[in-house]
Amino acid sequence: MTEDRFLIEGLRIRPRDGRDSSDLLELFNEERFLHYASARGPFSSVDELQGWLANISCSRRFEVVGVLAGKTIGFGGLYVMGDGLSHSGWILLGVRETFQARGIGARLLQILMAAASIMIGLRRVQLTVFGDNDPAIKLYRRFGFEIEGRHRDFVRRGESFVDALTMAKLYDARDVATPNFEALAGIGRTAQSRLGEAGREARAAR
């Protein structure tokens, strides 16, 4: 039995917008997120978080959120690099602690990977994860990510240090993800439009 069987009824996945700001501040400032997924301290305000997200260096971005009963409980971002790294993208993922281990992270990651391989046509998708974040590492392995390296003493945590792992998934002509229309359907018309725009940009750039 996979964790997708426990996916919460009523969950909606849609593009991130201004409605999500306060809920995302709570997510990014949650103690578990700060402990297992952040190399910085809490954000002091919505504006600071918005500025941090806006300043992520990338040539294109695709950001979605998981929403339940009007509350944003999950975030997924795919950031496409520029110049000689335009074939690569990196992933940022987070889910409120109360809703973890219920398939939400997997569904968000599924959408991001579909966008990366099907619509944008990336060759490489990568991420960084703390070495003691076992649930996240297990999830990424499930989606085909492999550990490429270990960064020793990557971040300070209290009086000690924590390693980080670089993980990546490579696509080639024989290893292109099949569209998961059930998952993509949950994004809605706006997200489908953004995916289409990304695909047209990718084709125009080739």
N, C-alpha and C. Protein backbone atom coordinates (compact mmCIF):
# COMPACT_ATOMS: atom_id res chain seq x y z
N MET A 1 0.85 -1.20 0.00
CA MET A 1 0.00 0.00 0.00
C MET A 1 0.88 1.24 0.00
N THR A 2 0.66 2.19 -0.91
CA THR A 2 1.46 3.40 -0.97
C THR A 2 0.75 4.52 -0.24
N GLU A 3 1.50 5.58 0.08
CA GLU A 3 0.91 6.67 0.82
C GLU A 3 -0.15 7.40 0.01
N ASP A 4 -0.16 7.27 -1.33
CA ASP A 4 -1.18 7.91 -2.14
C ASP A 4 -2.58 7.43 -1.78
N ARG A 5 -2.68 6.21 -1.19
CA ARG A 5 -3.98 5.68 -0.81
C ARG A 5 -4.61 6.51 0.31
N PHE A 6 -3.76 7.31 1.01
CA PHE A 6 -4.24 8.09 2.14
C PHE A 6 -4.43 9.56 1.76
N LEU A 7 -4.37 9.86 0.46
CA LEU A 7 -4.51 11.24 0.03
C LEU A 7 -5.82 11.83 0.51
N ILE A 8 -5.77 13.03 1.05
CA ILE A 8 -6.92 13.65 1.68
C ILE A 8 -7.97 14.02 0.65
N GLU A 9 -9.22 13.61 0.91
CA GLU A 9 -10.32 13.96 0.02
C GLU A 9 -10.55 15.47 0.07
N GLY A 10 -10.76 16.06 -1.09
CA GLY A 10 -10.99 17.49 -1.15
C GLY A 10 -9.75 18.31 -1.41
N LEU A 11 -8.58 17.67 -1.47
CA LEU A 11 -7.34 18.41 -1.75
C LEU A 11 -7.38 18.96 -3.17
N ARG A 12 -7.04 20.22 -3.32
CA ARG A 12 -6.92 20.86 -4.64
C ARG A 12 -5.48 21.28 -4.84
N ILE A 13 -4.98 21.10 -6.04
CA ILE A 13 -3.65 21.58 -6.40
C ILE A 13 -3.82 22.62 -7.49
N ARG A 14 -3.26 23.79 -7.25
CA ARG A 14 -3.39 24.90 -8.19
C ARG A 14 -2.13 25.74 -8.16
N PRO A 15 -1.97 26.67 -9.10
CA PRO A 15 -0.79 27.55 -9.07
C PRO A 15 -0.78 28.44 -7.83
N ARG A 16 0.40 28.73 -7.35
CA ARG A 16 0.54 29.65 -6.21
C ARG A 16 0.12 31.05 -6.62
N ASP A 17 -0.58 31.75 -5.73
CA ASP A 17 -0.92 33.15 -5.97
C ASP A 17 -0.98 33.88 -4.64
N GLY A 18 -1.43 35.12 -4.67
CA GLY A 18 -1.42 35.96 -3.48
C GLY A 18 -2.26 35.45 -2.34
N ARG A 19 -3.24 34.60 -2.63
CA ARG A 19 -4.08 34.07 -1.56
C ARG A 19 -3.30 33.18 -0.59
N ASP A 20 -2.14 32.68 -1.02
CA ASP A 20 -1.41 31.69 -0.24
C ASP A 20 -0.39 32.29 0.72
N SER A 21 -0.18 33.58 0.66
CA SER A 21 0.96 34.19 1.34
C SER A 21 1.01 33.89 2.84
N SER A 22 -0.08 34.13 3.54
CA SER A 22 -0.08 33.94 5.00
C SER A 22 0.11 32.48 5.37
N ASP A 23 -0.58 31.59 4.65
CA ASP A 23 -0.45 30.16 4.95
C ASP A 23 0.95 29.66 4.66
N LEU A 24 1.57 30.16 3.59
CA LEU A 24 2.93 29.74 3.27
C LEU A 24 3.92 30.26 4.30
N LEU A 25 3.66 31.42 4.85
CA LEU A 25 4.52 31.93 5.93
C LEU A 25 4.48 30.97 7.11
N GLU A 26 3.30 30.47 7.44
CA GLU A 26 3.17 29.51 8.52
C GLU A 26 3.92 28.22 8.20
N LEU A 27 3.80 27.75 6.96
CA LEU A 27 4.47 26.52 6.56
C LEU A 27 5.99 26.67 6.65
N PHE A 28 6.53 27.74 6.05
CA PHE A 28 7.98 27.92 6.02
C PHE A 28 8.55 28.24 7.40
N ASN A 29 7.71 28.69 8.32
CA ASN A 29 8.18 28.99 9.67
C ASN A 29 7.86 27.87 10.66
N GLU A 30 7.25 26.80 10.18
CA GLU A 30 6.92 25.69 11.07
C GLU A 30 8.20 25.05 11.60
N GLU A 31 8.16 24.64 12.86
CA GLU A 31 9.36 24.13 13.51
C GLU A 31 9.98 22.95 12.75
N ARG A 32 9.14 22.02 12.29
CA ARG A 32 9.67 20.86 11.58
C ARG A 32 10.31 21.25 10.25
N PHE A 33 9.69 22.19 9.54
CA PHE A 33 10.27 22.65 8.28
C PHE A 33 11.63 23.31 8.52
N LEU A 34 11.70 24.17 9.52
CA LEU A 34 12.96 24.84 9.83
C LEU A 34 14.03 23.83 10.24
N HIS A 35 13.63 22.77 10.94
CA HIS A 35 14.58 21.78 11.44
C HIS A 35 15.12 20.90 10.32
N TYR A 36 14.21 20.44 9.42
CA TYR A 36 14.59 19.43 8.44
C TYR A 36 14.75 19.96 7.01
N ALA A 37 14.38 21.22 6.75
CA ALA A 37 14.38 21.64 5.35
C ALA A 37 14.89 23.05 5.11
N SER A 38 15.31 23.76 6.15
CA SER A 38 15.69 25.15 5.95
C SER A 38 17.10 25.41 6.47
N ALA A 39 17.84 26.20 5.70
CA ALA A 39 19.19 26.59 6.12
C ALA A 39 19.20 28.00 6.69
N ARG A 40 18.01 28.55 6.93
CA ARG A 40 17.92 29.90 7.47
C ARG A 40 16.91 29.89 8.62
N GLY A 41 16.78 31.02 9.29
CA GLY A 41 15.81 31.13 10.37
C GLY A 41 14.43 31.47 9.85
N PRO A 42 13.49 31.72 10.76
CA PRO A 42 12.12 32.04 10.34
C PRO A 42 12.06 33.34 9.55
N PHE A 43 11.05 33.43 8.70
CA PHE A 43 10.78 34.68 8.00
C PHE A 43 10.01 35.60 8.94
N SER A 44 10.35 36.88 8.90
CA SER A 44 9.73 37.83 9.83
C SER A 44 8.37 38.31 9.36
N SER A 45 8.09 38.17 8.06
CA SER A 45 6.84 38.69 7.53
C SER A 45 6.52 38.04 6.19
N VAL A 46 5.29 38.23 5.75
CA VAL A 46 4.88 37.76 4.43
C VAL A 46 5.74 38.41 3.35
N ASP A 47 6.01 39.70 3.51
CA ASP A 47 6.81 40.42 2.50
C ASP A 47 8.21 39.82 2.38
N GLU A 48 8.80 39.45 3.51
CA GLU A 48 10.14 38.86 3.45
C GLU A 48 10.11 37.52 2.72
N LEU A 49 9.11 36.70 3.00
CA LEU A 49 8.98 35.42 2.31
C LEU A 49 8.74 35.63 0.83
N GLN A 50 7.85 36.55 0.50
CA GLN A 50 7.56 36.82 -0.91
C GLN A 50 8.81 37.29 -1.64
N GLY A 51 9.59 38.13 -0.98
CA GLY A 51 10.82 38.61 -1.59
C GLY A 51 11.83 37.49 -1.79
N TRP A 52 11.91 36.58 -0.82
CA TRP A 52 12.83 35.44 -0.93
C TRP A 52 12.46 34.55 -2.09
N LEU A 53 11.17 34.23 -2.22
CA LEU A 53 10.72 33.40 -3.34
C LEU A 53 10.95 34.11 -4.67
N ALA A 54 10.65 35.40 -4.72
CA ALA A 54 10.80 36.15 -5.97
C ALA A 54 12.25 36.24 -6.40
N ASN A 55 13.17 36.20 -5.45
CA ASN A 55 14.59 36.35 -5.75
C ASN A 55 15.31 35.03 -6.01
N ILE A 56 14.59 33.92 -6.03
CA ILE A 56 15.21 32.65 -6.40
C ILE A 56 15.70 32.78 -7.84
N SER A 57 16.98 32.55 -8.04
CA SER A 57 17.58 32.74 -9.36
C SER A 57 17.15 31.64 -10.32
N CYS A 58 16.45 32.00 -11.39
CA CYS A 58 16.00 31.03 -12.37
C CYS A 58 15.56 31.75 -13.63
N SER A 59 15.49 31.02 -14.73
CA SER A 59 15.01 31.60 -15.97
C SER A 59 13.50 31.44 -16.13
N ARG A 60 12.96 30.39 -15.51
CA ARG A 60 11.53 30.12 -15.49
C ARG A 60 11.18 29.42 -14.19
N ARG A 61 9.94 29.55 -13.78
CA ARG A 61 9.50 28.90 -12.56
C ARG A 61 8.10 28.34 -12.72
N PHE A 62 7.82 27.29 -11.96
CA PHE A 62 6.50 26.66 -11.95
C PHE A 62 6.22 26.31 -10.50
N GLU A 63 5.25 27.01 -9.89
CA GLU A 63 4.97 26.84 -8.47
C GLU A 63 3.50 26.46 -8.26
N VAL A 64 3.28 25.44 -7.47
CA VAL A 64 1.93 24.99 -7.17
C VAL A 64 1.76 24.84 -5.67
N VAL A 65 0.51 24.84 -5.23
CA VAL A 65 0.20 24.66 -3.81
C VAL A 65 -0.90 23.61 -3.67
N GLY A 66 -0.91 22.97 -2.51
CA GLY A 66 -2.00 22.08 -2.14
C GLY A 66 -2.92 22.80 -1.18
N VAL A 67 -4.21 22.81 -1.48
CA VAL A 67 -5.18 23.57 -0.70
C VAL A 67 -6.28 22.63 -0.21
N LEU A 68 -6.62 22.74 1.06
CA LEU A 68 -7.69 21.95 1.65
C LEU A 68 -8.59 22.86 2.46
N ALA A 69 -9.87 22.89 2.09
CA ALA A 69 -10.85 23.72 2.79
C ALA A 69 -10.39 25.17 2.91
N GLY A 70 -9.81 25.68 1.82
CA GLY A 70 -9.38 27.07 1.78
C GLY A 70 -8.05 27.35 2.45
N LYS A 71 -7.40 26.32 2.99
CA LYS A 71 -6.13 26.48 3.68
C LYS A 71 -5.01 25.88 2.84
N THR A 72 -3.96 26.65 2.60
CA THR A 72 -2.81 26.15 1.85
C THR A 72 -1.93 25.33 2.77
N ILE A 73 -1.77 24.04 2.44
CA ILE A 73 -1.06 23.12 3.33
C ILE A 73 0.19 22.52 2.70
N GLY A 74 0.45 22.83 1.43
CA GLY A 74 1.64 22.29 0.78
C GLY A 74 2.11 23.22 -0.33
N PHE A 75 3.41 23.14 -0.62
CA PHE A 75 4.02 23.98 -1.65
C PHE A 75 5.00 23.15 -2.45
N GLY A 76 5.01 23.38 -3.76
CA GLY A 76 6.00 22.76 -4.63
C GLY A 76 6.48 23.75 -5.68
N GLY A 77 7.79 23.86 -5.83
CA GLY A 77 8.35 24.78 -6.81
C GLY A 77 9.37 24.09 -7.69
N LEU A 78 9.30 24.36 -8.99
CA LEU A 78 10.29 23.90 -9.96
C LEU A 78 10.93 25.13 -10.58
N TYR A 79 12.24 25.24 -10.48
CA TYR A 79 12.96 26.43 -10.92
C TYR A 79 13.97 26.03 -12.00
N VAL A 80 13.76 26.54 -13.21
CA VAL A 80 14.60 26.19 -14.35
C VAL A 80 15.78 27.13 -14.39
N MET A 81 16.97 26.58 -14.48
CA MET A 81 18.18 27.39 -14.49
C MET A 81 18.39 28.03 -15.86
N GLY A 82 19.34 28.94 -15.93
CA GLY A 82 19.57 29.67 -17.16
C GLY A 82 20.91 29.38 -17.80
N ASP A 83 21.15 30.01 -18.94
CA ASP A 83 22.40 29.91 -19.67
C ASP A 83 22.76 28.45 -19.95
N GLY A 84 23.98 28.06 -19.62
CA GLY A 84 24.42 26.70 -19.91
C GLY A 84 23.75 25.64 -19.06
N LEU A 85 22.94 26.06 -18.09
CA LEU A 85 22.22 25.12 -17.23
C LEU A 85 20.73 25.09 -17.55
N SER A 86 20.34 25.56 -18.72
CA SER A 86 18.92 25.65 -19.06
C SER A 86 18.26 24.29 -19.22
N HIS A 87 19.04 23.22 -19.27
CA HIS A 87 18.48 21.87 -19.32
C HIS A 87 18.16 21.32 -17.94
N SER A 88 18.43 22.14 -16.90
CA SER A 88 18.30 21.68 -15.52
C SER A 88 17.28 22.49 -14.75
N GLY A 89 16.68 21.84 -13.77
CA GLY A 89 15.79 22.53 -12.86
C GLY A 89 15.98 21.98 -11.46
N TRP A 90 15.58 22.73 -10.46
CA TRP A 90 15.68 22.22 -9.10
C TRP A 90 14.35 22.38 -8.38
N ILE A 91 14.17 21.53 -7.39
CA ILE A 91 12.89 21.35 -6.72
C ILE A 91 12.93 21.90 -5.29
N LEU A 92 11.83 22.55 -4.90
CA LEU A 92 11.61 22.96 -3.51
C LEU A 92 10.24 22.44 -3.11
N LEU A 93 10.16 21.73 -1.98
CA LEU A 93 8.92 21.06 -1.60
C LEU A 93 8.70 21.19 -0.10
N GLY A 94 7.45 21.42 0.30
CA GLY A 94 7.13 21.49 1.72
C GLY A 94 5.66 21.20 1.97
N VAL A 95 5.37 20.52 3.08
CA VAL A 95 4.00 20.18 3.48
C VAL A 95 3.86 20.44 4.97
N ARG A 96 2.73 21.01 5.39
CA ARG A 96 2.50 21.23 6.81
C ARG A 96 2.60 19.91 7.57
N GLU A 97 3.19 19.97 8.76
CA GLU A 97 3.48 18.76 9.52
C GLU A 97 2.23 17.91 9.77
N THR A 98 1.12 18.56 10.06
CA THR A 98 -0.11 17.84 10.36
C THR A 98 -0.57 16.96 9.21
N PHE A 99 -0.19 17.34 7.97
CA PHE A 99 -0.68 16.64 6.79
C PHE A 99 0.40 15.81 6.10
N GLN A 100 1.52 15.60 6.76
CA GLN A 100 2.58 14.81 6.15
C GLN A 100 2.25 13.32 6.19
N ALA A 101 2.93 12.56 5.31
CA ALA A 101 2.75 11.11 5.21
C ALA A 101 1.34 10.73 4.78
N ARG A 102 0.69 11.61 4.00
CA ARG A 102 -0.66 11.33 3.52
C ARG A 102 -0.75 11.49 2.00
N GLY A 103 0.40 11.51 1.33
CA GLY A 103 0.42 11.54 -0.12
C GLY A 103 0.45 12.91 -0.75
N ILE A 104 0.42 13.97 0.05
CA ILE A 104 0.37 15.32 -0.50
C ILE A 104 1.69 15.70 -1.14
N GLY A 105 2.80 15.41 -0.44
CA GLY A 105 4.11 15.69 -1.02
C GLY A 105 4.32 14.93 -2.32
N ALA A 106 3.87 13.67 -2.34
CA ALA A 106 4.01 12.85 -3.56
C ALA A 106 3.21 13.44 -4.71
N ARG A 107 1.99 13.93 -4.41
CA ARG A 107 1.17 14.49 -5.48
C ARG A 107 1.79 15.80 -6.02
N LEU A 108 2.28 16.63 -5.13
CA LEU A 108 2.94 17.87 -5.56
C LEU A 108 4.17 17.56 -6.41
N LEU A 109 4.98 16.60 -5.95
CA LEU A 109 6.18 16.23 -6.69
C LEU A 109 5.82 15.63 -8.04
N GLN A 110 4.75 14.86 -8.08
CA GLN A 110 4.29 14.27 -9.33
C GLN A 110 3.97 15.35 -10.36
N ILE A 111 3.31 16.42 -9.91
CA ILE A 111 2.97 17.53 -10.80
C ILE A 111 4.24 18.22 -11.29
N LEU A 112 5.18 18.47 -10.39
CA LEU A 112 6.42 19.15 -10.76
C LEU A 112 7.22 18.33 -11.76
N MET A 113 7.29 17.03 -11.54
CA MET A 113 8.06 16.18 -12.45
C MET A 113 7.39 16.06 -13.81
N ALA A 114 6.05 16.07 -13.83
CA ALA A 114 5.34 16.07 -15.10
C ALA A 114 5.64 17.34 -15.88
N ALA A 115 5.64 18.48 -15.18
CA ALA A 115 5.97 19.74 -15.84
C ALA A 115 7.40 19.73 -16.36
N ALA A 116 8.31 19.18 -15.56
CA ALA A 116 9.73 19.16 -15.95
C ALA A 116 9.96 18.32 -17.20
N SER A 117 9.38 17.13 -17.25
CA SER A 117 9.70 16.20 -18.34
C SER A 117 8.80 16.36 -19.55
N ILE A 118 7.52 16.62 -19.32
CA ILE A 118 6.57 16.62 -20.42
C ILE A 118 6.46 17.99 -21.07
N MET A 119 6.28 19.01 -20.26
CA MET A 119 6.01 20.33 -20.80
C MET A 119 7.27 21.15 -21.07
N ILE A 120 8.23 21.08 -20.15
CA ILE A 120 9.44 21.90 -20.31
C ILE A 120 10.54 21.12 -21.01
N GLY A 121 10.55 19.81 -20.86
CA GLY A 121 11.56 18.99 -21.53
C GLY A 121 12.93 19.07 -20.90
N LEU A 122 12.99 19.09 -19.58
CA LEU A 122 14.28 19.17 -18.91
C LEU A 122 15.03 17.85 -19.02
N ARG A 123 16.32 17.94 -19.04
CA ARG A 123 17.20 16.77 -19.03
C ARG A 123 17.50 16.32 -17.60
N ARG A 124 17.52 17.29 -16.68
CA ARG A 124 17.98 17.03 -15.32
C ARG A 124 17.12 17.79 -14.32
N VAL A 125 16.72 17.12 -13.25
CA VAL A 125 16.03 17.76 -12.13
C VAL A 125 16.79 17.39 -10.87
N GLN A 126 17.08 18.38 -10.02
CA GLN A 126 17.90 18.13 -8.85
C GLN A 126 17.32 18.81 -7.62
N LEU A 127 17.87 18.45 -6.47
CA LEU A 127 17.43 19.03 -5.21
C LEU A 127 18.50 18.79 -4.16
N THR A 128 18.36 19.49 -3.05
CA THR A 128 19.22 19.28 -1.88
C THR A 128 18.34 18.93 -0.70
N VAL A 129 18.73 17.91 0.06
CA VAL A 129 17.94 17.45 1.19
C VAL A 129 18.88 17.16 2.36
N PHE A 130 18.45 17.50 3.57
CA PHE A 130 19.27 17.21 4.74
C PHE A 130 19.42 15.71 4.90
N GLY A 131 20.60 15.29 5.32
CA GLY A 131 20.91 13.87 5.39
C GLY A 131 20.10 13.09 6.40
N ASP A 132 19.46 13.77 7.37
CA ASP A 132 18.66 13.06 8.36
C ASP A 132 17.16 13.16 8.08
N ASN A 133 16.80 13.70 6.92
CA ASN A 133 15.38 13.81 6.55
C ASN A 133 14.97 12.54 5.80
N ASP A 134 14.87 11.45 6.53
CA ASP A 134 14.62 10.14 5.91
C ASP A 134 13.32 10.06 5.12
N PRO A 135 12.19 10.61 5.60
CA PRO A 135 10.96 10.52 4.81
C PRO A 135 11.09 11.20 3.45
N ALA A 136 11.76 12.36 3.43
CA ALA A 136 11.93 13.07 2.16
C ALA A 136 12.84 12.29 1.22
N ILE A 137 13.92 11.75 1.74
CA ILE A 137 14.85 10.97 0.91
C ILE A 137 14.13 9.76 0.31
N LYS A 138 13.31 9.11 1.11
CA LYS A 138 12.53 7.96 0.63
C LYS A 138 11.59 8.38 -0.48
N LEU A 139 10.92 9.51 -0.33
CA LEU A 139 10.01 10.01 -1.36
C LEU A 139 10.75 10.29 -2.66
N TYR A 140 11.88 10.97 -2.57
CA TYR A 140 12.63 11.32 -3.77
C TYR A 140 13.16 10.07 -4.48
N ARG A 141 13.61 9.09 -3.71
CA ARG A 141 14.05 7.83 -4.32
C ARG A 141 12.90 7.18 -5.08
N ARG A 142 11.73 7.25 -4.51
CA ARG A 142 10.55 6.66 -5.15
C ARG A 142 10.30 7.27 -6.52
N PHE A 143 10.66 8.53 -6.70
CA PHE A 143 10.46 9.20 -7.98
C PHE A 143 11.70 9.12 -8.87
N GLY A 144 12.64 8.28 -8.51
CA GLY A 144 13.79 8.05 -9.37
C GLY A 144 14.99 8.91 -9.11
N PHE A 145 14.99 9.71 -8.05
CA PHE A 145 16.16 10.52 -7.71
C PHE A 145 17.24 9.62 -7.11
N GLU A 146 18.48 9.93 -7.46
CA GLU A 146 19.62 9.21 -6.92
C GLU A 146 20.55 10.18 -6.21
N ILE A 147 21.20 9.70 -5.17
CA ILE A 147 22.16 10.53 -4.44
C ILE A 147 23.42 10.70 -5.26
N GLU A 148 23.82 11.94 -5.49
CA GLU A 148 25.03 12.22 -6.26
C GLU A 148 26.20 12.64 -5.38
N GLY A 149 25.90 13.16 -4.21
CA GLY A 149 27.00 13.59 -3.35
C GLY A 149 26.53 13.99 -1.97
N ARG A 150 27.47 14.06 -1.05
CA ARG A 150 27.19 14.47 0.33
C ARG A 150 28.00 15.72 0.66
N HIS A 151 27.31 16.73 1.20
CA HIS A 151 27.97 17.95 1.65
C HIS A 151 28.10 17.86 3.17
N ARG A 152 29.27 17.64 3.64
CA ARG A 152 29.49 17.43 5.07
C ARG A 152 29.36 18.74 5.84
N ASP A 153 28.73 18.64 7.02
CA ASP A 153 28.51 19.81 7.88
C ASP A 153 27.92 20.97 7.07
N PHE A 154 26.87 20.68 6.34
CA PHE A 154 26.29 21.64 5.40
C PHE A 154 25.63 22.82 6.12
N VAL A 155 24.94 22.54 7.23
CA VAL A 155 24.22 23.60 7.92
C VAL A 155 24.39 23.41 9.43
N ARG A 156 24.45 24.53 10.13
CA ARG A 156 24.55 24.46 11.58
C ARG A 156 23.16 24.26 12.17
N ARG A 157 23.05 23.34 13.12
CA ARG A 157 21.80 23.11 13.84
C ARG A 157 22.13 23.11 15.32
N GLY A 158 21.85 24.23 15.98
CA GLY A 158 22.23 24.36 17.38
C GLY A 158 23.74 24.37 17.52
N GLU A 159 24.25 23.43 18.33
CA GLU A 159 25.69 23.34 18.55
C GLU A 159 26.36 22.32 17.63
N SER A 160 25.61 21.70 16.75
CA SER A 160 26.15 20.67 15.85
C SER A 160 25.90 21.05 14.40
N PHE A 161 26.30 20.14 13.51
CA PHE A 161 26.13 20.37 12.08
C PHE A 161 25.40 19.19 11.45
N VAL A 162 24.78 19.45 10.32
CA VAL A 162 24.02 18.44 9.60
C VAL A 162 24.53 18.37 8.17
N ASP A 163 24.71 17.14 7.68
CA ASP A 163 25.10 16.95 6.28
C ASP A 163 23.89 17.18 5.37
N ALA A 164 24.17 17.44 4.11
CA ALA A 164 23.12 17.53 3.09
C ALA A 164 23.49 16.62 1.93
N LEU A 165 22.48 16.13 1.24
CA LEU A 165 22.67 15.28 0.07
C LEU A 165 22.19 16.00 -1.17
N THR A 166 22.96 15.88 -2.23
CA THR A 166 22.49 16.31 -3.54
C THR A 166 21.90 15.11 -4.25
N MET A 167 20.63 15.24 -4.68
CA MET A 167 19.96 14.16 -5.39
C MET A 167 19.48 14.69 -6.75
N ALA A 168 19.46 13.81 -7.75
CA ALA A 168 19.05 14.24 -9.09
C ALA A 168 18.40 13.09 -9.84
N LYS A 169 17.57 13.45 -10.78
CA LYS A 169 16.98 12.50 -11.73
C LYS A 169 17.28 13.01 -13.13
N LEU A 170 17.77 12.11 -13.99
CA LEU A 170 18.08 12.46 -15.37
C LEU A 170 17.06 11.83 -16.30
N TYR A 171 16.66 12.58 -17.31
CA TYR A 171 15.78 12.07 -18.35
C TYR A 171 16.55 11.94 -19.65
N ASP A 172 16.19 10.95 -20.47
CA ASP A 172 16.68 10.90 -21.84
C ASP A 172 15.54 10.45 -22.73
N ALA A 173 15.81 10.21 -24.00
CA ALA A 173 14.75 9.89 -24.96
C ALA A 173 14.00 8.63 -24.58
N ARG A 174 14.65 7.73 -23.86
CA ARG A 174 14.01 6.47 -23.48
C ARG A 174 13.41 6.53 -22.08
N ASP A 175 13.55 7.68 -21.43
CA ASP A 175 13.13 7.78 -20.03
C ASP A 175 12.38 9.08 -19.81
N VAL A 176 11.31 9.26 -20.57
CA VAL A 176 10.48 10.45 -20.45
C VAL A 176 9.21 10.07 -19.71
N ALA A 177 8.86 10.87 -18.72
CA ALA A 177 7.70 10.55 -17.91
C ALA A 177 6.43 10.54 -18.75
N THR A 178 5.55 9.60 -18.47
CA THR A 178 4.25 9.54 -19.12
C THR A 178 3.31 10.50 -18.42
N PRO A 179 2.55 11.29 -19.16
CA PRO A 179 1.63 12.23 -18.51
C PRO A 179 0.68 11.51 -17.56
N ASN A 180 0.53 12.01 -16.37
CA ASN A 180 -0.43 11.48 -15.40
C ASN A 180 -1.63 12.42 -15.43
N PHE A 181 -2.59 12.11 -16.28
CA PHE A 181 -3.69 13.03 -16.51
C PHE A 181 -4.59 13.16 -15.29
N GLU A 182 -4.63 12.13 -14.46
CA GLU A 182 -5.43 12.21 -13.24
C GLU A 182 -4.87 13.28 -12.32
N ALA A 183 -3.52 13.31 -12.20
CA ALA A 183 -2.90 14.32 -11.35
C ALA A 183 -2.96 15.70 -11.98
N LEU A 184 -2.68 15.77 -13.29
CA LEU A 184 -2.67 17.05 -13.96
C LEU A 184 -4.05 17.69 -13.96
N ALA A 185 -5.10 16.87 -13.99
CA ALA A 185 -6.45 17.39 -14.03
C ALA A 185 -6.77 18.19 -12.78
N GLY A 186 -6.13 17.86 -11.67
CA GLY A 186 -6.40 18.54 -10.42
C GLY A 186 -5.88 19.95 -10.37
N ILE A 187 -4.99 20.32 -11.27
CA ILE A 187 -4.44 21.68 -11.24
C ILE A 187 -5.48 22.70 -11.66
N GLY A 188 -6.30 22.34 -12.64
CA GLY A 188 -7.31 23.27 -13.12
C GLY A 188 -6.86 24.01 -14.36
N ARG A 189 -7.77 24.81 -14.88
CA ARG A 189 -7.52 25.47 -16.16
C ARG A 189 -6.32 26.41 -16.13
N THR A 190 -6.17 27.15 -15.03
CA THR A 190 -5.07 28.12 -14.98
C THR A 190 -3.72 27.43 -15.05
N ALA A 191 -3.56 26.36 -14.29
CA ALA A 191 -2.29 25.64 -14.30
C ALA A 191 -2.05 24.99 -15.65
N GLN A 192 -3.08 24.47 -16.28
CA GLN A 192 -2.92 23.87 -17.60
C GLN A 192 -2.42 24.93 -18.58
N SER A 193 -2.93 26.15 -18.43
CA SER A 193 -2.48 27.23 -19.31
C SER A 193 -1.02 27.54 -19.09
N ARG A 194 -0.58 27.55 -17.83
CA ARG A 194 0.83 27.83 -17.54
C ARG A 194 1.73 26.72 -18.05
N LEU A 195 1.27 25.48 -17.91
CA LEU A 195 2.05 24.37 -18.45
C LEU A 195 2.19 24.49 -19.95
N GLY A 196 1.09 24.87 -20.61
CA GLY A 196 1.13 25.04 -22.07
C GLY A 196 2.08 26.13 -22.48
N GLU A 197 2.11 27.22 -21.72
CA GLU A 197 3.02 28.32 -22.03
C GLU A 197 4.46 27.87 -21.88
N ALA A 198 4.73 27.07 -20.84
CA ALA A 198 6.09 26.56 -20.63
C ALA A 198 6.50 25.66 -21.78
N GLY A 199 5.57 24.84 -22.24
CA GLY A 199 5.89 23.96 -23.36
C GLY A 199 6.19 24.72 -24.63
N ARG A 200 5.41 25.77 -24.89
CA ARG A 200 5.64 26.58 -26.08
C ARG A 200 6.97 27.30 -26.01
N GLU A 201 7.32 27.77 -24.79
CA GLU A 201 8.62 28.44 -24.63
C GLU A 201 9.75 27.46 -24.89
N ALA A 202 9.59 26.24 -24.39
CA ALA A 202 10.64 25.23 -24.58
C ALA A 202 10.81 24.89 -26.05
N ARG A 203 9.70 24.74 -26.76
CA ARG A 203 9.79 24.41 -28.19
C ARG A 203 10.39 25.56 -28.99
N ALA A 204 10.06 26.80 -28.58
CA ALA A 204 10.58 27.96 -29.29
C ALA A 204 12.08 28.12 -29.08
N ALA A 205 12.55 27.64 -27.90
CA ALA A 205 13.98 27.78 -27.57
C ALA A 205 14.84 26.72 -28.25
N ARG A 206 14.22 25.66 -28.77
CA ARG A 206 15.00 24.58 -29.36
C ARG A 206 15.39 24.92 -30.79
